[in-house]
Structure formats: structure tokens, C-alpha cells
Amino acid sequence: MRARMALHVAETEYEHREVILRDKPQAMLDASPKGSVPVFITSTDKVIDESLDIMRWALPDAQIDLNIIKNIDGPFKHHLDRYKYASRYDDTAKRGDVDLTHRADAVRALESLKSKLATAPFLSGTELDVTDMACFPFVRQFAAVEPEWWKEDPEVSNIRTWLAACVSSDLFKAIMIKHPLWAPKH
């Protein structure tokens, strides 16, 4: 999602191939054996298979707050995964369980966002930018785990406002279109 936003902002034309990760096409694995998405192949056949790297390729002159992004991609994402998918990381958890300890740790990892958003509507000021694009998809996942808790918790109120602005942005709406499932014969 964040790579698609950067490509959209850069007005980069590309062919979007929607895949199901449990049934990875061989063409995708040939391009990037690690088997995760996104995979972007440039016009010079360079393979870029990390969303932040795609963002940097698409928007090379953009100002990015790497400290915030590293925190979201690192500690926050670590806790998000363990909160959202507790049964993957805890043998005693059942599918659908959440880990409230990791939820609390994820909220603590959001402190860098909370402090930035205390003085501005977006992470770099008054406009949604690359740092917001890099961070909000993971925060969106976090908010979706327990929506009622997210709506009520006062500790995340300014992040909730920021996330709502990101999700209602024209940029987000422009990239959130359904794509047909890609198959090599297409």
C-alpha cells in the first residue's frame, strides 16, 4: 500500500499484479525469491522488494523522517504482529486471540508519532507526506484489530485523528482500488 502511494504521487506508470500469498506465482518468486510483497521491477529490470525502498526509488528527493519510520517498521511492527496474530507467537493462544501486553507495547512505540502530532496534523507538518505514507498503513492495521478499543482509548486520540485524515485523503482513496487476481496467462 505504501509503495503504491509513492508510485501514485510520483505519477509512475506500472503494471499492478495482484497475487494471493498462499499461492505465490512462480514469476513473482523468480523475481524475488523471498516471496513477500511488494515486488517492483523497474524498466531497467532492477528488482526492488521492500516497500520503503520502492518509496525512496519513486520519490528520491522526498524528505523522510527515518527515525519515525524505523520505529514503526521495527518495534511497533514487532508488537503489532504479536498483538494481532497472538496464536502465531504463543502456543497457548487460540486463533483470533489478541495479546494485550503487545498492544500496550505497541501504544508505547507510538510515542514518537504522538509527540509529532501534538503540534501538527501530519508527521511533517500541515500536509500528508512520505513519512505519513510510510507509517499509517501499519497504524491502520493496528486500529482494525479491536476497533471499539481504538475508538475509545484516550491515549491514542491524536493518532486516531491523524489516521482518519490519512484514510480519508484523496491519495489513499486513489490507490485503494480492487485489482483482479493476476495469473501468468494474463
Protein backbone atom coordinates (compact mmCIF):
# COMPACT_ATOMS: atom_id res chain seq x y z
CA MET A 1 0.00 0.00 0.00
CA ARG A 2 2.69 2.49 0.94
CA ALA A 3 4.69 1.69 -2.21
CA ARG A 4 1.55 2.20 -4.33
CA MET A 5 1.01 5.61 -2.71
CA ALA A 6 4.55 6.70 -3.55
CA LEU A 7 4.23 5.44 -7.13
CA HIS A 8 0.94 7.32 -7.44
CA VAL A 9 2.44 10.56 -6.11
CA ALA A 10 5.40 10.16 -8.50
CA GLU A 11 2.95 9.53 -11.36
CA THR A 12 4.88 6.39 -12.22
CA GLU A 13 3.16 4.11 -14.69
CA TYR A 14 3.37 0.45 -13.77
CA GLU A 15 1.52 -2.81 -14.19
CA HIS A 16 -0.14 -3.90 -10.96
CA ARG A 17 -0.25 -7.65 -10.39
CA GLU A 18 -2.50 -8.77 -7.55
CA VAL A 19 -1.45 -12.11 -6.05
CA ILE A 20 -2.58 -14.42 -3.27
CA LEU A 21 0.38 -15.00 -0.97
CA ARG A 22 -0.62 -18.56 -0.12
CA ASP A 23 -0.46 -19.32 -3.87
CA LYS A 24 2.58 -17.31 -5.00
CA PRO A 25 3.08 -17.23 -8.76
CA GLN A 26 6.41 -18.61 -9.94
CA ALA A 27 7.06 -15.36 -11.85
CA MET A 28 6.97 -13.49 -8.54
CA LEU A 29 9.33 -15.97 -6.88
CA ASP A 30 11.67 -15.81 -9.87
CA ALA A 31 11.84 -12.02 -9.49
CA SER A 32 12.17 -12.10 -5.68
CA PRO A 33 12.84 -15.49 -4.04
CA LYS A 34 11.98 -14.14 -0.59
CA GLY A 35 8.32 -14.43 -1.62
CA SER A 36 6.91 -11.34 0.06
CA VAL A 37 5.17 -8.34 -1.40
CA PRO A 38 5.63 -5.82 -2.79
CA VAL A 39 7.94 -6.71 -5.64
CA PHE A 40 8.66 -3.91 -8.08
CA ILE A 41 10.66 -4.38 -11.27
CA THR A 42 11.93 -1.16 -12.81
CA SER A 43 12.16 -0.51 -16.55
CA THR A 44 15.85 -1.43 -16.27
CA ASP A 45 14.93 -4.80 -14.67
CA LYS A 46 16.13 -3.81 -11.21
CA VAL A 47 14.10 -5.69 -8.58
CA ILE A 48 13.05 -3.72 -5.50
CA ASP A 49 11.27 -5.87 -2.94
CA GLU A 50 10.89 -3.63 0.10
CA SER A 51 8.12 -1.03 0.21
CA LEU A 52 10.30 1.66 1.79
CA ASP A 53 12.93 1.13 -0.92
CA ILE A 54 10.23 1.46 -3.59
CA MET A 55 9.10 4.70 -1.95
CA ARG A 56 12.66 6.04 -1.99
CA TRP A 57 13.09 4.99 -5.63
CA ALA A 58 9.81 6.65 -6.67
CA LEU A 59 10.34 9.82 -4.63
CA PRO A 60 14.13 10.20 -4.36
CA ASP A 61 14.03 13.87 -3.32
CA ALA A 62 11.33 13.48 -0.67
CA GLN A 63 12.15 14.40 2.90
CA ILE A 64 11.68 11.33 5.07
CA ASP A 65 11.87 11.08 8.86
CA LEU A 66 13.78 7.80 9.04
CA ASN A 67 13.75 7.72 12.85
CA ILE A 68 9.96 7.62 12.95
CA ILE A 69 9.76 5.11 10.09
CA LYS A 70 12.38 2.82 11.66
CA ASN A 71 10.39 2.86 14.89
CA ILE A 72 7.16 1.97 13.08
CA ASP A 73 8.82 -0.67 10.86
CA GLY A 74 10.76 -2.08 13.83
CA PRO A 75 9.42 -2.07 17.40
CA PHE A 76 5.87 -1.04 16.52
CA LYS A 77 5.51 -3.67 13.77
CA HIS A 78 7.03 -6.31 16.07
CA HIS A 79 4.37 -5.63 18.70
CA LEU A 80 1.58 -5.21 16.12
CA ASP A 81 2.22 -8.70 14.74
CA ARG A 82 2.25 -10.29 18.20
CA TYR A 83 -0.87 -8.38 19.25
CA LYS A 84 -2.81 -9.10 16.07
CA TYR A 85 -1.61 -12.68 15.50
CA ALA A 86 -1.09 -13.91 19.05
CA SER A 87 -1.56 -17.58 18.07
CA ARG A 88 1.43 -17.40 15.71
CA TYR A 89 3.75 -16.44 18.56
CA ASP A 90 2.17 -18.05 21.62
CA ASP A 91 1.37 -21.76 21.67
CA THR A 92 -1.32 -21.22 24.31
CA ALA A 93 -3.21 -18.61 22.28
CA LYS A 94 -6.10 -19.59 20.05
CA ARG A 95 -6.65 -18.24 16.56
CA GLY A 96 -8.33 -14.83 16.86
CA ASP A 97 -6.85 -14.10 20.30
CA VAL A 98 -5.05 -10.81 20.84
CA ASP A 99 -2.12 -10.18 23.15
CA LEU A 100 -2.88 -7.17 25.32
CA THR A 101 0.72 -6.90 26.55
CA HIS A 102 1.87 -6.39 22.98
CA ARG A 103 -0.98 -3.93 22.40
CA ALA A 104 0.32 -1.84 25.30
CA ASP A 105 3.89 -2.11 23.99
CA ALA A 106 2.70 -1.03 20.52
CA VAL A 107 0.98 2.01 22.04
CA ARG A 108 4.26 2.91 23.77
CA ALA A 109 6.05 2.53 20.42
CA LEU A 110 3.66 5.14 19.01
CA GLU A 111 5.05 7.84 21.34
CA SER A 112 7.18 9.33 18.55
CA LEU A 113 4.04 9.83 16.46
CA LYS A 114 2.07 11.21 19.39
CA SER A 115 4.70 13.86 20.10
CA LYS A 116 4.90 14.92 16.43
CA LEU A 117 1.12 15.04 16.12
CA ALA A 118 0.77 17.16 19.26
CA THR A 119 1.89 20.19 17.24
CA ALA A 120 0.77 19.43 13.66
CA PRO A 121 -1.91 17.45 11.85
CA PHE A 122 0.66 15.33 9.97
CA LEU A 123 4.06 13.94 10.87
CA SER A 124 5.99 16.55 8.91
CA GLY A 125 3.62 19.46 9.32
CA THR A 126 0.43 20.52 7.60
CA GLU A 127 0.42 18.14 4.62
CA LEU A 128 0.39 14.37 4.28
CA ASP A 129 3.85 13.36 3.09
CA VAL A 130 6.11 10.35 2.60
CA THR A 131 6.65 9.81 6.33
CA ASP A 132 2.89 9.63 6.85
CA MET A 133 2.56 7.28 3.85
CA ALA A 134 5.23 5.00 5.29
CA CYS A 135 3.65 4.83 8.74
CA PHE A 136 -0.10 4.95 8.56
CA PRO A 137 -0.75 1.58 6.85
CA PHE A 138 0.69 -0.23 9.89
CA VAL A 139 -1.22 2.02 12.29
CA ARG A 140 -4.36 1.33 10.24
CA GLN A 141 -3.81 -2.42 10.76
CA PHE A 142 -3.36 -1.79 14.48
CA ALA A 143 -6.59 0.21 14.71
CA ALA A 144 -8.54 -2.53 12.93
CA VAL A 145 -7.67 -5.29 15.43
CA GLU A 146 -10.01 -4.03 18.15
CA PRO A 147 -11.94 -1.13 16.63
CA GLU A 148 -14.02 -0.42 19.73
CA TRP A 149 -10.93 -0.11 21.92
CA TRP A 150 -9.28 2.09 19.27
CA LYS A 151 -12.28 4.44 19.15
CA GLU A 152 -12.35 4.87 22.92
CA ASP A 153 -8.75 4.88 24.17
CA PRO A 154 -7.76 8.47 25.06
CA GLU A 155 -4.07 7.58 24.87
CA VAL A 156 -4.25 7.39 21.06
CA SER A 157 -6.64 10.28 20.39
CA ASN A 158 -4.30 12.43 18.28
CA ILE A 159 -3.10 9.35 16.39
CA ARG A 160 -6.73 8.42 15.77
CA THR A 161 -7.36 11.89 14.30
CA TRP A 162 -4.23 11.65 12.13
CA LEU A 163 -5.15 8.16 10.91
CA ALA A 164 -8.65 9.31 9.98
CA ALA A 165 -7.16 12.16 7.94
CA CYS A 166 -4.77 9.77 6.18
CA VAL A 167 -7.51 7.25 5.39
CA SER A 168 -9.85 9.94 4.09
CA SER A 169 -7.15 11.53 1.91
CA ASP A 170 -7.54 11.65 -1.85
CA LEU A 171 -4.23 9.80 -2.15
CA PHE A 172 -5.43 6.83 -0.12
CA LYS A 173 -8.74 6.71 -1.97
CA ALA A 174 -6.90 6.78 -5.31
CA ILE A 175 -4.80 3.71 -4.56
CA MET A 176 -7.43 1.65 -2.75
CA ILE A 177 -9.00 0.17 -5.83
CA LYS A 178 -9.63 -3.52 -6.34
CA HIS A 179 -7.40 -5.27 -8.84
CA PRO A 180 -8.22 -8.57 -10.46
CA LEU A 181 -6.12 -11.54 -9.42
CA TRP A 182 -3.12 -11.83 -11.72
CA ALA A 183 -2.23 -15.08 -13.43
CA PRO A 184 0.75 -15.55 -15.77
CA LYS A 185 -1.54 -16.24 -18.72
CA HIS A 186 -2.87 -12.66 -18.43
